Amino acid sequence: MPDTSIHHRKSDALGKQLVIEMYDCDAERFDDVHWIKNVLVEAARRARATIVETVFHRFNPHGISGVVVISESHFAIHTWPEYRYAALDIFTCGDTLEGDTAISHIAREFECSRYTVTTLQRGLIVPRPAAPETVLTRPASLLAAGHETMLRKIVP
């Protein structure tokens, strides 16, 4: 099982994001907005997050989207009961959040048969060149297609 704890040095990235896809879930309660909210709030608590606010919405005919705003950033979810699928996102700007604990709790509650976790470092900060020069270019492929789009290329 991959390490989904969110640990990073502030010099590496501004944040870390876990993108979770849960498949073959017991979708019987995927339209129960209060239950979904409680599962995510409890997951945030178990991850040692500081909860600020929650917003959840049930769609017609089915499905829920919601977010638990935490001091460290957010937990977000979208459910598709008809596909027995849930997409989740856990993002943190802090140093430590127990993502693996949160994911295990959610997977257990949703009774999903499998899930994937993709970890992304967000806002990677790289040193800037001393005095960059901006050069505007128009790639031949864009010109040939009649596009007026200009791409910016930073030249050190």
N, C-alpha and C. Protein backbone atom coordinates (compact mmCIF):
# COMPACT_ATOMS: atom_id res chain seq x y z
N MET A 1 0.85 -1.18 0.00
CA MET A 1 0.00 0.00 0.00
C MET A 1 0.89 1.24 0.00
N PRO A 2 0.63 2.22 -0.89
CA PRO A 2 1.48 3.40 -0.96
C PRO A 2 1.30 4.28 0.28
N ASP A 3 2.36 5.02 0.62
CA ASP A 3 2.28 5.95 1.75
C ASP A 3 1.50 7.16 1.31
N THR A 4 0.33 7.37 1.91
CA THR A 4 -0.50 8.51 1.54
C THR A 4 -0.51 9.57 2.63
N SER A 5 0.42 9.46 3.58
CA SER A 5 0.56 10.53 4.56
C SER A 5 1.10 11.73 3.82
N ILE A 6 0.65 12.88 4.19
CA ILE A 6 1.07 14.08 3.48
C ILE A 6 2.17 14.75 4.28
N HIS A 7 3.40 14.54 3.85
CA HIS A 7 4.58 15.14 4.47
C HIS A 7 5.38 15.79 3.36
N HIS A 8 5.79 17.01 3.54
CA HIS A 8 6.69 17.63 2.58
C HIS A 8 7.43 18.77 3.25
N ARG A 9 8.58 19.10 2.70
CA ARG A 9 9.30 20.27 3.17
C ARG A 9 8.73 21.47 2.46
N LYS A 10 8.58 22.58 3.16
CA LYS A 10 8.01 23.77 2.56
C LYS A 10 8.78 24.23 1.32
N SER A 11 10.09 23.93 1.24
CA SER A 11 10.87 24.36 0.09
C SER A 11 10.58 23.53 -1.16
N ASP A 12 9.97 22.34 -1.01
CA ASP A 12 9.69 21.50 -2.17
C ASP A 12 8.43 21.94 -2.91
N ALA A 13 7.36 22.15 -2.19
CA ALA A 13 6.07 22.46 -2.81
C ALA A 13 5.22 23.26 -1.85
N LEU A 14 4.26 23.97 -2.42
CA LEU A 14 3.33 24.72 -1.58
C LEU A 14 2.28 23.81 -0.96
N GLY A 15 2.00 22.72 -1.64
CA GLY A 15 0.99 21.81 -1.12
C GLY A 15 1.13 20.43 -1.71
N LYS A 16 0.34 19.52 -1.16
CA LYS A 16 0.30 18.14 -1.64
C LYS A 16 -1.15 17.75 -1.80
N GLN A 17 -1.44 17.03 -2.89
CA GLN A 17 -2.80 16.65 -3.20
C GLN A 17 -2.88 15.15 -3.41
N LEU A 18 -3.87 14.54 -2.78
CA LEU A 18 -4.16 13.13 -2.99
C LEU A 18 -5.45 13.07 -3.81
N VAL A 19 -5.38 12.42 -4.95
CA VAL A 19 -6.54 12.24 -5.82
C VAL A 19 -6.93 10.78 -5.69
N ILE A 20 -8.14 10.54 -5.15
CA ILE A 20 -8.58 9.19 -4.82
C ILE A 20 -9.78 8.82 -5.69
N GLU A 21 -9.72 7.64 -6.28
CA GLU A 21 -10.83 7.11 -7.07
C GLU A 21 -11.29 5.82 -6.40
N MET A 22 -12.55 5.78 -5.98
CA MET A 22 -13.10 4.60 -5.30
C MET A 22 -14.13 3.94 -6.19
N TYR A 23 -13.92 2.64 -6.42
CA TYR A 23 -14.74 1.88 -7.35
C TYR A 23 -15.51 0.77 -6.63
N ASP A 24 -16.62 0.39 -7.26
CA ASP A 24 -17.43 -0.73 -6.77
C ASP A 24 -17.80 -0.54 -5.30
N CYS A 25 -18.28 0.65 -5.00
CA CYS A 25 -18.70 0.98 -3.64
C CYS A 25 -20.13 0.52 -3.40
N ASP A 26 -20.48 0.37 -2.13
CA ASP A 26 -21.87 0.10 -1.78
C ASP A 26 -22.59 1.44 -1.88
N ALA A 27 -23.25 1.66 -3.00
CA ALA A 27 -23.82 2.97 -3.31
C ALA A 27 -25.19 3.22 -2.69
N GLU A 28 -25.63 2.32 -1.83
CA GLU A 28 -26.96 2.46 -1.24
C GLU A 28 -27.13 3.80 -0.53
N ARG A 29 -26.07 4.32 0.09
CA ARG A 29 -26.16 5.58 0.83
C ARG A 29 -25.50 6.74 0.11
N PHE A 30 -25.13 6.55 -1.16
CA PHE A 30 -24.45 7.61 -1.91
C PHE A 30 -25.34 8.81 -2.21
N ASP A 31 -26.62 8.71 -1.95
CA ASP A 31 -27.53 9.85 -2.11
C ASP A 31 -27.93 10.46 -0.78
N ASP A 32 -27.36 9.97 0.30
CA ASP A 32 -27.65 10.47 1.65
C ASP A 32 -26.62 11.54 2.00
N VAL A 33 -26.99 12.78 1.76
CA VAL A 33 -26.04 13.90 1.91
C VAL A 33 -25.52 14.01 3.34
N HIS A 34 -26.36 13.75 4.33
CA HIS A 34 -25.92 13.85 5.72
C HIS A 34 -24.90 12.75 6.06
N TRP A 35 -25.13 11.55 5.55
CA TRP A 35 -24.21 10.45 5.80
C TRP A 35 -22.86 10.71 5.13
N ILE A 36 -22.88 11.14 3.87
CA ILE A 36 -21.63 11.45 3.15
C ILE A 36 -20.87 12.54 3.89
N LYS A 37 -21.56 13.57 4.32
CA LYS A 37 -20.92 14.66 5.07
C LYS A 37 -20.28 14.12 6.34
N ASN A 38 -21.00 13.29 7.08
CA ASN A 38 -20.45 12.74 8.33
C ASN A 38 -19.21 11.89 8.08
N VAL A 39 -19.22 11.10 7.00
CA VAL A 39 -18.06 10.26 6.68
C VAL A 39 -16.85 11.15 6.39
N LEU A 40 -17.03 12.21 5.59
CA LEU A 40 -15.89 13.07 5.27
C LEU A 40 -15.41 13.89 6.46
N VAL A 41 -16.33 14.38 7.28
CA VAL A 41 -15.94 15.13 8.48
C VAL A 41 -15.14 14.23 9.42
N GLU A 42 -15.61 13.02 9.61
CA GLU A 42 -14.88 12.08 10.48
C GLU A 42 -13.51 11.74 9.88
N ALA A 43 -13.44 11.60 8.56
CA ALA A 43 -12.15 11.33 7.90
C ALA A 43 -11.18 12.49 8.14
N ALA A 44 -11.67 13.71 8.04
CA ALA A 44 -10.83 14.89 8.28
C ALA A 44 -10.35 14.91 9.74
N ARG A 45 -11.24 14.59 10.66
CA ARG A 45 -10.84 14.54 12.07
C ARG A 45 -9.76 13.48 12.30
N ARG A 46 -9.96 12.30 11.71
CA ARG A 46 -8.99 11.21 11.88
C ARG A 46 -7.64 11.56 11.25
N ALA A 47 -7.66 12.41 10.23
CA ALA A 47 -6.42 12.84 9.58
C ALA A 47 -5.72 13.95 10.36
N ARG A 48 -6.32 14.37 11.46
CA ARG A 48 -5.81 15.45 12.31
C ARG A 48 -5.89 16.82 11.63
N ALA A 49 -6.91 16.99 10.79
CA ALA A 49 -7.14 18.26 10.13
C ALA A 49 -7.97 19.17 11.03
N THR A 50 -7.85 20.47 10.80
CA THR A 50 -8.63 21.47 11.54
C THR A 50 -9.79 21.90 10.65
N ILE A 51 -11.00 21.48 11.01
CA ILE A 51 -12.18 21.74 10.19
C ILE A 51 -12.64 23.18 10.38
N VAL A 52 -12.89 23.85 9.24
CA VAL A 52 -13.34 25.25 9.24
C VAL A 52 -14.82 25.33 8.88
N GLU A 53 -15.21 24.63 7.81
CA GLU A 53 -16.58 24.73 7.31
C GLU A 53 -16.88 23.55 6.40
N THR A 54 -18.17 23.25 6.22
CA THR A 54 -18.57 22.19 5.29
C THR A 54 -19.69 22.70 4.39
N VAL A 55 -19.66 22.23 3.14
CA VAL A 55 -20.73 22.53 2.18
C VAL A 55 -20.96 21.27 1.37
N PHE A 56 -22.20 20.77 1.37
CA PHE A 56 -22.55 19.56 0.62
C PHE A 56 -23.85 19.82 -0.12
N HIS A 57 -23.97 19.23 -1.30
CA HIS A 57 -25.17 19.43 -2.13
C HIS A 57 -25.56 18.10 -2.79
N ARG A 58 -26.85 17.78 -2.74
CA ARG A 58 -27.38 16.59 -3.43
C ARG A 58 -27.98 17.04 -4.74
N PHE A 59 -27.61 16.35 -5.82
CA PHE A 59 -28.12 16.67 -7.15
C PHE A 59 -29.34 15.84 -7.47
N ASN A 60 -30.14 16.31 -8.41
CA ASN A 60 -31.31 15.61 -8.88
C ASN A 60 -31.00 15.06 -10.26
N PRO A 61 -31.09 13.80 -10.55
CA PRO A 61 -31.79 12.80 -9.77
C PRO A 61 -30.93 12.14 -8.69
N HIS A 62 -29.59 12.22 -8.78
CA HIS A 62 -28.77 11.58 -7.76
C HIS A 62 -27.34 12.10 -7.84
N GLY A 63 -26.59 11.82 -6.80
CA GLY A 63 -25.20 12.24 -6.71
C GLY A 63 -25.02 13.38 -5.74
N ILE A 64 -23.86 13.43 -5.14
CA ILE A 64 -23.54 14.45 -4.14
C ILE A 64 -22.17 15.03 -4.43
N SER A 65 -22.04 16.33 -4.24
CA SER A 65 -20.75 16.99 -4.23
C SER A 65 -20.62 17.70 -2.90
N GLY A 66 -19.42 17.68 -2.35
CA GLY A 66 -19.23 18.34 -1.07
C GLY A 66 -17.78 18.66 -0.80
N VAL A 67 -17.60 19.58 0.12
CA VAL A 67 -16.25 19.96 0.53
C VAL A 67 -16.21 20.18 2.03
N VAL A 68 -15.15 19.71 2.63
CA VAL A 68 -14.84 20.02 4.02
C VAL A 68 -13.63 20.94 3.94
N VAL A 69 -13.86 22.21 4.25
CA VAL A 69 -12.77 23.17 4.24
C VAL A 69 -12.01 23.00 5.55
N ILE A 70 -10.70 22.83 5.43
CA ILE A 70 -9.86 22.67 6.62
C ILE A 70 -8.82 23.78 6.62
N SER A 71 -8.28 24.08 7.76
CA SER A 71 -7.25 25.11 7.84
C SER A 71 -6.09 24.80 6.90
N GLU A 72 -5.83 23.52 6.70
CA GLU A 72 -4.73 23.08 5.86
C GLU A 72 -5.08 23.12 4.37
N SER A 73 -6.36 23.17 3.99
CA SER A 73 -6.88 23.31 2.64
C SER A 73 -8.27 22.69 2.52
N HIS A 74 -8.40 21.44 1.95
CA HIS A 74 -9.75 20.89 1.80
C HIS A 74 -9.78 19.38 1.56
N PHE A 75 -10.96 18.82 1.82
CA PHE A 75 -11.36 17.47 1.42
C PHE A 75 -12.55 17.69 0.49
N ALA A 76 -12.58 17.09 -0.67
CA ALA A 76 -13.71 17.25 -1.59
C ALA A 76 -14.15 15.88 -2.10
N ILE A 77 -15.44 15.77 -2.43
CA ILE A 77 -15.99 14.51 -2.93
C ILE A 77 -17.06 14.77 -3.98
N HIS A 78 -17.16 13.83 -4.92
CA HIS A 78 -18.24 13.79 -5.90
C HIS A 78 -18.64 12.33 -6.01
N THR A 79 -19.93 12.04 -5.88
CA THR A 79 -20.39 10.64 -5.97
C THR A 79 -21.26 10.43 -7.21
N TRP A 80 -21.13 9.24 -7.77
CA TRP A 80 -21.96 8.78 -8.87
C TRP A 80 -22.57 7.45 -8.44
N PRO A 81 -23.72 7.48 -7.75
CA PRO A 81 -24.32 6.23 -7.26
C PRO A 81 -24.60 5.23 -8.38
N GLU A 82 -24.99 5.73 -9.54
CA GLU A 82 -25.34 4.83 -10.65
C GLU A 82 -24.13 4.04 -11.16
N TYR A 83 -22.92 4.53 -10.86
CA TYR A 83 -21.70 3.82 -11.25
C TYR A 83 -20.97 3.22 -10.06
N ARG A 84 -21.54 3.40 -8.87
CA ARG A 84 -20.92 2.91 -7.62
C ARG A 84 -19.50 3.45 -7.48
N TYR A 85 -19.35 4.74 -7.81
CA TYR A 85 -18.04 5.39 -7.90
C TYR A 85 -18.03 6.70 -7.11
N ALA A 86 -16.90 6.97 -6.48
CA ALA A 86 -16.70 8.26 -5.80
C ALA A 86 -15.31 8.79 -6.15
N ALA A 87 -15.25 10.08 -6.42
CA ALA A 87 -13.98 10.77 -6.68
C ALA A 87 -13.72 11.69 -5.50
N LEU A 88 -12.53 11.58 -4.93
CA LEU A 88 -12.18 12.40 -3.77
C LEU A 88 -10.88 13.12 -4.01
N ASP A 89 -10.72 14.22 -3.28
CA ASP A 89 -9.52 15.04 -3.38
C ASP A 89 -9.18 15.51 -1.97
N ILE A 90 -7.97 15.24 -1.54
CA ILE A 90 -7.49 15.74 -0.24
C ILE A 90 -6.28 16.61 -0.54
N PHE A 91 -6.37 17.87 -0.17
CA PHE A 91 -5.30 18.83 -0.46
C PHE A 91 -4.86 19.46 0.85
N THR A 92 -3.55 19.62 1.02
CA THR A 92 -3.05 20.28 2.21
C THR A 92 -1.94 21.24 1.87
N CYS A 93 -1.90 22.34 2.59
CA CYS A 93 -0.82 23.30 2.49
C CYS A 93 0.08 23.20 3.71
N GLY A 94 -0.28 22.34 4.63
CA GLY A 94 0.48 22.18 5.87
C GLY A 94 1.57 21.14 5.74
N ASP A 95 2.24 20.91 6.86
CA ASP A 95 3.35 19.97 6.86
C ASP A 95 2.92 18.52 7.02
N THR A 96 1.87 18.28 7.82
CA THR A 96 1.50 16.90 8.08
C THR A 96 -0.02 16.75 8.16
N LEU A 97 -0.52 15.80 7.41
CA LEU A 97 -1.92 15.42 7.46
C LEU A 97 -1.92 13.91 7.25
N GLU A 98 -2.65 13.18 8.03
CA GLU A 98 -2.64 11.72 7.94
C GLU A 98 -3.63 11.24 6.88
N GLY A 99 -3.21 11.40 5.62
CA GLY A 99 -4.05 11.04 4.49
C GLY A 99 -4.42 9.58 4.45
N ASP A 100 -3.49 8.70 4.79
CA ASP A 100 -3.78 7.27 4.76
C ASP A 100 -4.87 6.90 5.74
N THR A 101 -4.89 7.55 6.89
CA THR A 101 -5.93 7.29 7.89
C THR A 101 -7.29 7.74 7.36
N ALA A 102 -7.34 8.91 6.73
CA ALA A 102 -8.60 9.42 6.17
C ALA A 102 -9.11 8.51 5.06
N ILE A 103 -8.22 8.12 4.16
CA ILE A 103 -8.62 7.28 3.02
C ILE A 103 -9.12 5.92 3.50
N SER A 104 -8.44 5.32 4.46
CA SER A 104 -8.87 4.02 5.00
C SER A 104 -10.26 4.12 5.60
N HIS A 105 -10.52 5.20 6.33
CA HIS A 105 -11.84 5.39 6.93
C HIS A 105 -12.92 5.50 5.85
N ILE A 106 -12.68 6.31 4.84
CA ILE A 106 -13.67 6.51 3.78
C ILE A 106 -13.90 5.20 3.01
N ALA A 107 -12.83 4.51 2.65
CA ALA A 107 -12.96 3.24 1.91
C ALA A 107 -13.76 2.21 2.70
N ARG A 108 -13.51 2.18 4.00
CA ARG A 108 -14.23 1.23 4.87
C ARG A 108 -15.71 1.59 4.93
N GLU A 109 -16.01 2.86 5.13
CA GLU A 109 -17.41 3.30 5.21
C GLU A 109 -18.15 3.09 3.89
N PHE A 110 -17.47 3.37 2.76
CA PHE A 110 -18.10 3.22 1.45
C PHE A 110 -18.14 1.77 0.99
N GLU A 111 -17.41 0.90 1.70
CA GLU A 111 -17.34 -0.51 1.34
C GLU A 111 -16.93 -0.69 -0.12
N CYS A 112 -15.94 0.11 -0.55
CA CYS A 112 -15.49 -0.01 -1.94
C CYS A 112 -14.57 -1.23 -2.07
N SER A 113 -14.64 -1.88 -3.22
CA SER A 113 -13.82 -3.08 -3.42
C SER A 113 -12.40 -2.72 -3.84
N ARG A 114 -12.20 -1.53 -4.40
CA ARG A 114 -10.86 -1.12 -4.79
C ARG A 114 -10.81 0.40 -4.92
N TYR A 115 -9.61 0.93 -4.75
CA TYR A 115 -9.42 2.37 -4.96
C TYR A 115 -7.99 2.64 -5.37
N THR A 116 -7.81 3.81 -6.01
CA THR A 116 -6.48 4.23 -6.40
C THR A 116 -6.20 5.59 -5.75
N VAL A 117 -4.92 5.82 -5.48
CA VAL A 117 -4.49 7.10 -4.91
C VAL A 117 -3.35 7.63 -5.77
N THR A 118 -3.51 8.84 -6.27
CA THR A 118 -2.46 9.52 -7.02
C THR A 118 -2.02 10.71 -6.18
N THR A 119 -0.72 10.81 -5.94
CA THR A 119 -0.18 11.90 -5.13
C THR A 119 0.47 12.92 -6.04
N LEU A 120 0.10 14.18 -5.86
CA LEU A 120 0.65 15.27 -6.65
C LEU A 120 1.27 16.31 -5.74
N GLN A 121 2.45 16.78 -6.10
CA GLN A 121 3.01 17.93 -5.41
C GLN A 121 2.52 19.16 -6.17
N ARG A 122 1.95 20.11 -5.44
CA ARG A 122 1.37 21.29 -6.07
C ARG A 122 2.19 22.52 -5.72
N GLY A 123 2.31 23.41 -6.67
CA GLY A 123 3.04 24.65 -6.44
C GLY A 123 4.51 24.44 -6.21
N LEU A 124 5.13 23.59 -7.05
CA LEU A 124 6.56 23.38 -6.91
C LEU A 124 7.27 24.71 -7.19
N ILE A 125 8.05 25.12 -6.25
CA ILE A 125 8.74 26.40 -6.37
C ILE A 125 10.15 26.13 -6.87
N VAL A 126 10.48 26.71 -8.01
CA VAL A 126 11.83 26.59 -8.56
C VAL A 126 12.46 27.98 -8.57
N PRO A 127 13.74 28.05 -8.34
CA PRO A 127 14.40 29.36 -8.34
C PRO A 127 14.24 30.05 -9.69
N ARG A 128 14.00 31.35 -9.65
CA ARG A 128 13.88 32.14 -10.87
C ARG A 128 15.25 32.58 -11.36
N PRO A 129 15.40 32.70 -12.68
CA PRO A 129 16.64 33.27 -13.19
C PRO A 129 16.78 34.72 -12.73
N ALA A 130 17.97 35.23 -12.72
CA ALA A 130 18.23 36.59 -12.23
C ALA A 130 17.36 37.64 -12.90
N ALA A 131 17.34 37.68 -14.24
CA ALA A 131 16.55 38.68 -14.95
C ALA A 131 15.96 38.04 -16.20
N PRO A 132 14.81 37.38 -16.06
CA PRO A 132 14.25 36.71 -17.24
C PRO A 132 13.75 37.72 -18.27
N GLU A 133 13.81 37.30 -19.52
CA GLU A 133 13.33 38.11 -20.63
C GLU A 133 12.16 37.36 -21.23
N THR A 134 11.06 38.05 -21.48
CA THR A 134 9.90 37.42 -22.07
C THR A 134 9.95 37.57 -23.58
N VAL A 135 9.83 36.45 -24.29
CA VAL A 135 9.82 36.46 -25.75
C VAL A 135 8.48 35.89 -26.19
N LEU A 136 7.78 36.62 -27.05
CA LEU A 136 6.51 36.13 -27.57
C LEU A 136 6.76 35.32 -28.83
N THR A 137 6.16 34.14 -28.90
CA THR A 137 6.36 33.29 -30.07
C THR A 137 5.01 32.81 -30.59
N ARG A 138 4.97 32.51 -31.86
CA ARG A 138 3.80 31.91 -32.49
C ARG A 138 4.25 30.63 -33.18
N PRO A 139 3.95 29.48 -32.56
CA PRO A 139 4.36 28.23 -33.20
C PRO A 139 3.75 28.09 -34.59
N ALA A 140 4.50 27.50 -35.51
CA ALA A 140 4.04 27.33 -36.88
C ALA A 140 2.71 26.60 -36.95
N SER A 141 2.51 25.62 -36.06
CA SER A 141 1.25 24.86 -36.08
C SER A 141 0.05 25.75 -35.79
N LEU A 142 0.23 26.74 -34.91
CA LEU A 142 -0.86 27.66 -34.61
C LEU A 142 -1.09 28.62 -35.77
N LEU A 143 -0.01 29.09 -36.37
CA LEU A 143 -0.14 30.01 -37.50
C LEU A 143 -0.82 29.31 -38.68
N ALA A 144 -0.44 28.05 -38.93
CA ALA A 144 -1.01 27.31 -40.03
C ALA A 144 -2.50 27.09 -39.82
N ALA A 145 -2.91 26.94 -38.58
CA ALA A 145 -4.33 26.71 -38.27
C ALA A 145 -5.10 28.02 -38.19
N GLY A 146 -4.41 29.15 -38.36
CA GLY A 146 -5.08 30.43 -38.33
C GLY A 146 -5.33 30.96 -36.93
N HIS A 147 -4.67 30.41 -35.93
CA HIS A 147 -4.86 30.85 -34.56
C HIS A 147 -4.06 32.12 -34.30
N GLU A 148 -4.62 32.98 -33.51
CA GLU A 148 -3.93 34.21 -33.13
C GLU A 148 -3.31 34.09 -31.74
N THR A 149 -3.36 32.89 -31.16
CA THR A 149 -2.83 32.67 -29.82
C THR A 149 -1.33 32.87 -29.80
N MET A 150 -0.85 33.57 -28.79
CA MET A 150 0.58 33.76 -28.63
C MET A 150 1.00 33.08 -27.35
N LEU A 151 2.06 32.33 -27.41
CA LEU A 151 2.59 31.65 -26.23
C LEU A 151 3.75 32.45 -25.68
N ARG A 152 3.85 32.46 -24.37
CA ARG A 152 4.95 33.17 -23.73
C ARG A 152 6.05 32.17 -23.38
N LYS A 153 7.23 32.51 -23.72
CA LYS A 153 8.38 31.68 -23.41
C LYS A 153 9.36 32.52 -22.60
N ILE A 154 9.72 32.01 -21.44
CA ILE A 154 10.66 32.73 -20.59
C ILE A 154 12.08 32.31 -20.98
N VAL A 155 12.89 33.29 -21.31
CA VAL A 155 14.27 33.02 -21.69
C VAL A 155 15.16 33.62 -20.62
N PRO A 156 15.99 32.78 -19.95
CA PRO A 156 16.86 33.32 -18.90
C PRO A 156 17.95 34.21 -19.47
